[in-house]
């Protein structure tokens, strides 16, 4: 699982979101400082996650325009997220250099 996919699963574990909302949260939390997730890659990563049945989506009406695709974490996605987090925490890593 890529860092981008893991980040998206983590955000969707907090609750359902559409892609622009995911982008907004990524910006607000300055997640690009530690993960390689560009706005243009959010949709591709969500499609991959949906194909693997880790997330599912539905179209919901939007008061400001066309319907939006809302993504939700699937049970298999929660399991995959937990495993990926456990694996990441089990691997020792050195802290980033102070200059960063």
N, C-alpha and C. Protein backbone atom coordinates (compact mmCIF):
# COMPACT_ATOMS: atom_id res chain seq x y z
N UNK A 1 0.85 -1.18 0.00
CA UNK A 1 0.00 0.00 0.00
C UNK A 1 0.89 1.23 0.00
N UNK A 2 0.55 2.18 -0.85
CA UNK A 2 1.34 3.40 -0.94
C UNK A 2 1.03 4.34 0.23
N UNK A 3 1.93 5.28 0.46
CA UNK A 3 1.69 6.27 1.50
C UNK A 3 0.45 7.10 1.23
N UNK A 4 0.17 7.39 -0.03
CA UNK A 4 -1.02 8.15 -0.40
C UNK A 4 -2.28 7.37 -0.06
N UNK A 5 -2.27 6.09 -0.41
CA UNK A 5 -3.44 5.26 -0.12
C UNK A 5 -3.67 5.14 1.38
N UNK A 6 -2.58 4.96 2.12
CA UNK A 6 -2.69 4.87 3.58
C UNK A 6 -3.24 6.17 4.17
N UNK A 7 -2.77 7.29 3.67
CA UNK A 7 -3.26 8.59 4.16
C UNK A 7 -4.75 8.75 3.87
N UNK A 8 -5.18 8.36 2.67
CA UNK A 8 -6.60 8.48 2.32
C UNK A 8 -7.45 7.55 3.16
N UNK A 9 -6.99 6.33 3.38
CA UNK A 9 -7.75 5.42 4.25
C UNK A 9 -7.88 5.99 5.65
N UNK A 10 -6.80 6.58 6.15
CA UNK A 10 -6.85 7.19 7.47
C UNK A 10 -7.85 8.32 7.56
N UNK A 11 -7.89 9.15 6.53
CA UNK A 11 -8.86 10.26 6.53
C UNK A 11 -10.28 9.75 6.41
N UNK A 12 -10.48 8.71 5.62
CA UNK A 12 -11.83 8.15 5.47
C UNK A 12 -12.26 7.38 6.72
N UNK A 13 -11.30 6.93 7.53
CA UNK A 13 -11.65 6.30 8.80
C UNK A 13 -12.31 7.30 9.75
N UNK A 14 -12.03 8.59 9.54
CA UNK A 14 -12.64 9.64 10.36
C UNK A 14 -14.09 9.88 9.97
N UNK A 15 -14.43 9.54 8.72
CA UNK A 15 -15.79 9.74 8.24
C UNK A 15 -15.82 9.88 6.73
N UNK A 16 -17.00 9.76 6.14
CA UNK A 16 -17.14 9.87 4.68
C UNK A 16 -16.73 11.26 4.19
N UNK A 17 -16.11 11.28 3.01
CA UNK A 17 -15.68 12.55 2.42
C UNK A 17 -15.68 12.45 0.91
N UNK A 18 -15.82 13.59 0.25
CA UNK A 18 -15.64 13.65 -1.19
C UNK A 18 -14.20 14.11 -1.46
N UNK A 19 -13.76 13.97 -2.70
CA UNK A 19 -12.35 14.21 -3.04
C UNK A 19 -11.90 15.63 -2.71
N UNK A 20 -12.74 16.63 -2.97
CA UNK A 20 -12.32 18.00 -2.66
C UNK A 20 -12.19 18.22 -1.15
N UNK A 21 -13.03 17.54 -0.39
CA UNK A 21 -12.91 17.65 1.06
C UNK A 21 -11.62 16.98 1.54
N UNK A 22 -11.28 15.84 0.93
CA UNK A 22 -10.01 15.19 1.25
C UNK A 22 -8.85 16.12 0.96
N UNK A 23 -8.90 16.78 -0.19
CA UNK A 23 -7.86 17.74 -0.56
C UNK A 23 -7.76 18.86 0.48
N UNK A 24 -8.89 19.38 0.90
CA UNK A 24 -8.91 20.47 1.87
C UNK A 24 -8.27 20.03 3.20
N UNK A 25 -8.61 18.85 3.66
CA UNK A 25 -8.05 18.35 4.92
C UNK A 25 -6.54 18.12 4.79
N UNK A 26 -6.12 17.58 3.66
CA UNK A 26 -4.69 17.36 3.41
C UNK A 26 -3.94 18.68 3.48
N UNK A 27 -4.50 19.72 2.87
CA UNK A 27 -3.89 21.05 2.91
C UNK A 27 -3.87 21.61 4.33
N UNK A 28 -5.02 21.54 5.02
CA UNK A 28 -5.11 22.11 6.37
C UNK A 28 -4.14 21.45 7.34
N UNK A 29 -3.99 20.16 7.20
CA UNK A 29 -3.11 19.41 8.11
C UNK A 29 -1.67 19.36 7.63
N UNK A 30 -1.39 19.98 6.52
CA UNK A 30 -0.05 20.03 5.93
C UNK A 30 0.54 18.62 5.77
N UNK A 31 -0.30 17.73 5.28
CA UNK A 31 0.10 16.34 5.13
C UNK A 31 1.11 16.12 4.01
N UNK A 32 1.21 17.07 3.10
CA UNK A 32 2.17 16.93 2.01
C UNK A 32 3.62 17.03 2.50
N UNK A 33 3.79 17.49 3.72
CA UNK A 33 5.13 17.56 4.29
C UNK A 33 5.68 16.17 4.58
N UNK A 34 4.80 15.19 4.74
CA UNK A 34 5.28 13.84 5.07
C UNK A 34 4.72 12.73 4.19
N UNK A 35 3.86 13.06 3.25
CA UNK A 35 3.36 12.04 2.33
C UNK A 35 3.38 12.58 0.90
N UNK A 36 3.52 11.69 -0.04
CA UNK A 36 3.57 12.08 -1.44
C UNK A 36 2.17 11.98 -2.05
N UNK A 37 1.33 12.94 -1.73
CA UNK A 37 -0.04 12.92 -2.26
C UNK A 37 -0.34 14.27 -2.89
N UNK A 38 -0.43 14.24 -4.20
CA UNK A 38 -0.77 15.45 -4.94
C UNK A 38 -2.27 15.46 -5.20
N UNK A 39 -2.82 16.63 -5.40
CA UNK A 39 -4.25 16.73 -5.66
C UNK A 39 -4.64 15.86 -6.85
N UNK A 40 -3.82 15.86 -7.88
CA UNK A 40 -4.14 15.09 -9.08
C UNK A 40 -4.12 13.59 -8.85
N UNK A 41 -3.44 13.14 -7.79
CA UNK A 41 -3.37 11.70 -7.54
C UNK A 41 -4.46 11.20 -6.60
N UNK A 42 -5.22 12.10 -6.00
CA UNK A 42 -6.27 11.68 -5.07
C UNK A 42 -7.30 10.81 -5.77
N UNK A 43 -7.78 11.26 -6.92
CA UNK A 43 -8.80 10.50 -7.64
C UNK A 43 -8.29 9.14 -8.07
N UNK A 44 -7.06 9.08 -8.57
CA UNK A 44 -6.49 7.79 -9.01
C UNK A 44 -6.36 6.84 -7.82
N UNK A 45 -5.90 7.35 -6.69
CA UNK A 45 -5.75 6.51 -5.50
C UNK A 45 -7.11 6.03 -5.00
N UNK A 46 -8.11 6.90 -5.03
CA UNK A 46 -9.45 6.49 -4.61
C UNK A 46 -10.01 5.41 -5.53
N UNK A 47 -9.76 5.54 -6.82
CA UNK A 47 -10.21 4.49 -7.77
C UNK A 47 -9.54 3.16 -7.47
N UNK A 48 -8.24 3.18 -7.21
CA UNK A 48 -7.53 1.94 -6.88
C UNK A 48 -8.08 1.32 -5.61
N UNK A 49 -8.31 2.15 -4.60
CA UNK A 49 -8.85 1.65 -3.33
C UNK A 49 -10.25 1.07 -3.52
N UNK A 50 -11.02 1.70 -4.38
CA UNK A 50 -12.38 1.21 -4.64
C UNK A 50 -12.33 -0.11 -5.42
N UNK A 51 -11.42 -0.22 -6.38
CA UNK A 51 -11.28 -1.47 -7.13
C UNK A 51 -10.86 -2.61 -6.22
N UNK A 52 -10.08 -2.32 -5.21
CA UNK A 52 -9.65 -3.34 -4.25
C UNK A 52 -10.68 -3.54 -3.14
N UNK A 53 -11.78 -2.81 -3.23
CA UNK A 53 -12.91 -2.90 -2.28
C UNK A 53 -12.53 -2.50 -0.85
N UNK A 54 -11.60 -1.55 -0.77
CA UNK A 54 -11.21 -1.02 0.52
C UNK A 54 -12.04 0.21 0.87
N UNK A 55 -12.58 0.87 -0.14
CA UNK A 55 -13.54 1.96 0.03
C UNK A 55 -14.69 1.73 -0.94
N UNK A 56 -15.81 2.36 -0.65
CA UNK A 56 -16.91 2.35 -1.62
C UNK A 56 -17.45 3.77 -1.71
N UNK A 57 -18.11 4.03 -2.81
CA UNK A 57 -18.58 5.40 -3.04
C UNK A 57 -20.04 5.39 -3.49
N UNK A 58 -20.67 6.51 -3.24
CA UNK A 58 -22.04 6.75 -3.70
C UNK A 58 -22.10 8.17 -4.21
N UNK A 59 -23.04 8.41 -5.07
CA UNK A 59 -23.26 9.79 -5.54
C UNK A 59 -24.33 10.42 -4.67
N UNK A 60 -24.04 11.61 -4.21
CA UNK A 60 -24.99 12.35 -3.38
C UNK A 60 -25.18 13.74 -3.96
N UNK A 61 -26.40 14.20 -3.91
CA UNK A 61 -26.72 15.52 -4.44
C UNK A 61 -25.95 16.60 -3.67
N UNK A 62 -25.57 17.61 -4.41
CA UNK A 62 -24.85 18.73 -3.82
C UNK A 62 -25.70 19.99 -3.99
N UNK A 63 -25.81 20.81 -2.95
CA UNK A 63 -26.61 22.03 -3.07
C UNK A 63 -25.99 23.04 -4.03
N UNK A 64 -24.71 22.86 -4.36
CA UNK A 64 -24.00 23.84 -5.20
C UNK A 64 -23.54 23.29 -6.54
N UNK A 65 -24.26 22.41 -7.13
CA UNK A 65 -23.83 21.92 -8.43
C UNK A 65 -24.13 20.45 -8.62
N UNK A 66 -23.32 19.80 -9.45
CA UNK A 66 -23.59 18.39 -9.75
C UNK A 66 -23.38 17.49 -8.52
N UNK A 67 -23.92 16.30 -8.60
CA UNK A 67 -23.77 15.33 -7.51
C UNK A 67 -22.29 15.03 -7.29
N UNK A 68 -21.96 14.78 -6.05
CA UNK A 68 -20.58 14.46 -5.70
C UNK A 68 -20.47 12.99 -5.34
N UNK A 69 -19.31 12.43 -5.59
CA UNK A 69 -19.05 11.05 -5.20
C UNK A 69 -18.47 11.09 -3.78
N UNK A 70 -19.18 10.47 -2.85
CA UNK A 70 -18.77 10.42 -1.46
C UNK A 70 -18.12 9.06 -1.20
N UNK A 71 -16.94 9.07 -0.63
CA UNK A 71 -16.19 7.85 -0.36
C UNK A 71 -16.29 7.49 1.11
N UNK A 72 -16.46 6.20 1.35
CA UNK A 72 -16.56 5.67 2.71
C UNK A 72 -15.60 4.49 2.86
N UNK A 73 -15.07 4.33 4.04
CA UNK A 73 -14.19 3.22 4.32
C UNK A 73 -15.01 1.94 4.40
N UNK A 74 -14.62 0.93 3.67
CA UNK A 74 -15.28 -0.38 3.72
C UNK A 74 -14.67 -1.18 4.87
N UNK A 75 -15.37 -2.22 5.34
CA UNK A 75 -14.79 -3.05 6.40
C UNK A 75 -13.40 -3.59 6.04
N UNK A 76 -13.22 -4.01 4.81
CA UNK A 76 -11.90 -4.50 4.39
C UNK A 76 -10.87 -3.38 4.42
N UNK A 77 -11.30 -2.15 4.17
CA UNK A 77 -10.41 -1.00 4.23
C UNK A 77 -9.96 -0.72 5.65
N UNK A 78 -10.87 -0.87 6.61
CA UNK A 78 -10.50 -0.65 8.01
C UNK A 78 -9.47 -1.70 8.44
N UNK A 79 -9.69 -2.94 8.02
CA UNK A 79 -8.74 -4.01 8.34
C UNK A 79 -7.37 -3.72 7.71
N UNK A 80 -7.37 -3.33 6.43
CA UNK A 80 -6.12 -3.02 5.74
C UNK A 80 -5.41 -1.84 6.40
N UNK A 81 -6.16 -0.83 6.80
CA UNK A 81 -5.59 0.33 7.47
C UNK A 81 -4.94 -0.07 8.79
N UNK A 82 -5.62 -0.85 9.58
CA UNK A 82 -5.06 -1.30 10.86
C UNK A 82 -3.78 -2.09 10.66
N UNK A 83 -3.79 -2.99 9.68
CA UNK A 83 -2.57 -3.78 9.40
C UNK A 83 -1.42 -2.89 8.95
N UNK A 84 -1.71 -1.95 8.07
CA UNK A 84 -0.66 -1.07 7.55
C UNK A 84 -0.09 -0.20 8.67
N UNK A 85 -0.93 0.27 9.56
CA UNK A 85 -0.46 1.09 10.68
C UNK A 85 0.40 0.25 11.62
N UNK A 86 -0.05 -0.97 11.91
CA UNK A 86 0.73 -1.86 12.77
C UNK A 86 2.10 -2.14 12.15
N UNK A 87 2.13 -2.40 10.84
CA UNK A 87 3.40 -2.66 10.16
C UNK A 87 4.31 -1.44 10.21
N UNK A 88 3.74 -0.26 9.98
CA UNK A 88 4.54 0.96 9.98
C UNK A 88 5.11 1.24 11.37
N UNK A 89 4.33 0.99 12.40
CA UNK A 89 4.81 1.23 13.76
C UNK A 89 5.83 0.18 14.20
N UNK A 90 5.78 -1.00 13.62
CA UNK A 90 6.71 -2.07 13.99
C UNK A 90 8.09 -1.87 13.39
N UNK A 91 8.18 -1.10 12.31
CA UNK A 91 9.46 -0.87 11.66
C UNK A 91 10.18 0.31 12.29
N UNK A 92 11.37 0.09 12.80
CA UNK A 92 12.10 1.23 13.36
C UNK A 92 12.52 2.19 12.25
N UNK A 93 12.46 3.45 12.55
CA UNK A 93 12.90 4.45 11.58
C UNK A 93 13.61 5.56 12.32
N UNK A 94 14.52 6.18 11.62
CA UNK A 94 15.24 7.28 12.23
C UNK A 94 14.44 8.57 12.04
N UNK A 95 14.57 9.48 12.98
CA UNK A 95 13.85 10.75 12.83
C UNK A 95 14.43 11.54 11.66
N UNK A 96 13.63 12.40 11.07
CA UNK A 96 14.15 13.22 9.98
C UNK A 96 15.21 14.20 10.51
N UNK A 97 16.13 14.58 9.66
CA UNK A 97 17.15 15.55 10.09
C UNK A 97 16.49 16.85 10.55
N UNK A 98 17.06 17.51 11.56
CA UNK A 98 16.47 18.74 12.10
C UNK A 98 16.31 19.83 11.06
N UNK A 99 17.13 19.79 10.01
CA UNK A 99 17.05 20.83 8.98
C UNK A 99 15.70 20.78 8.27
N UNK A 100 15.07 19.61 8.24
CA UNK A 100 13.77 19.48 7.57
C UNK A 100 12.69 19.99 8.47
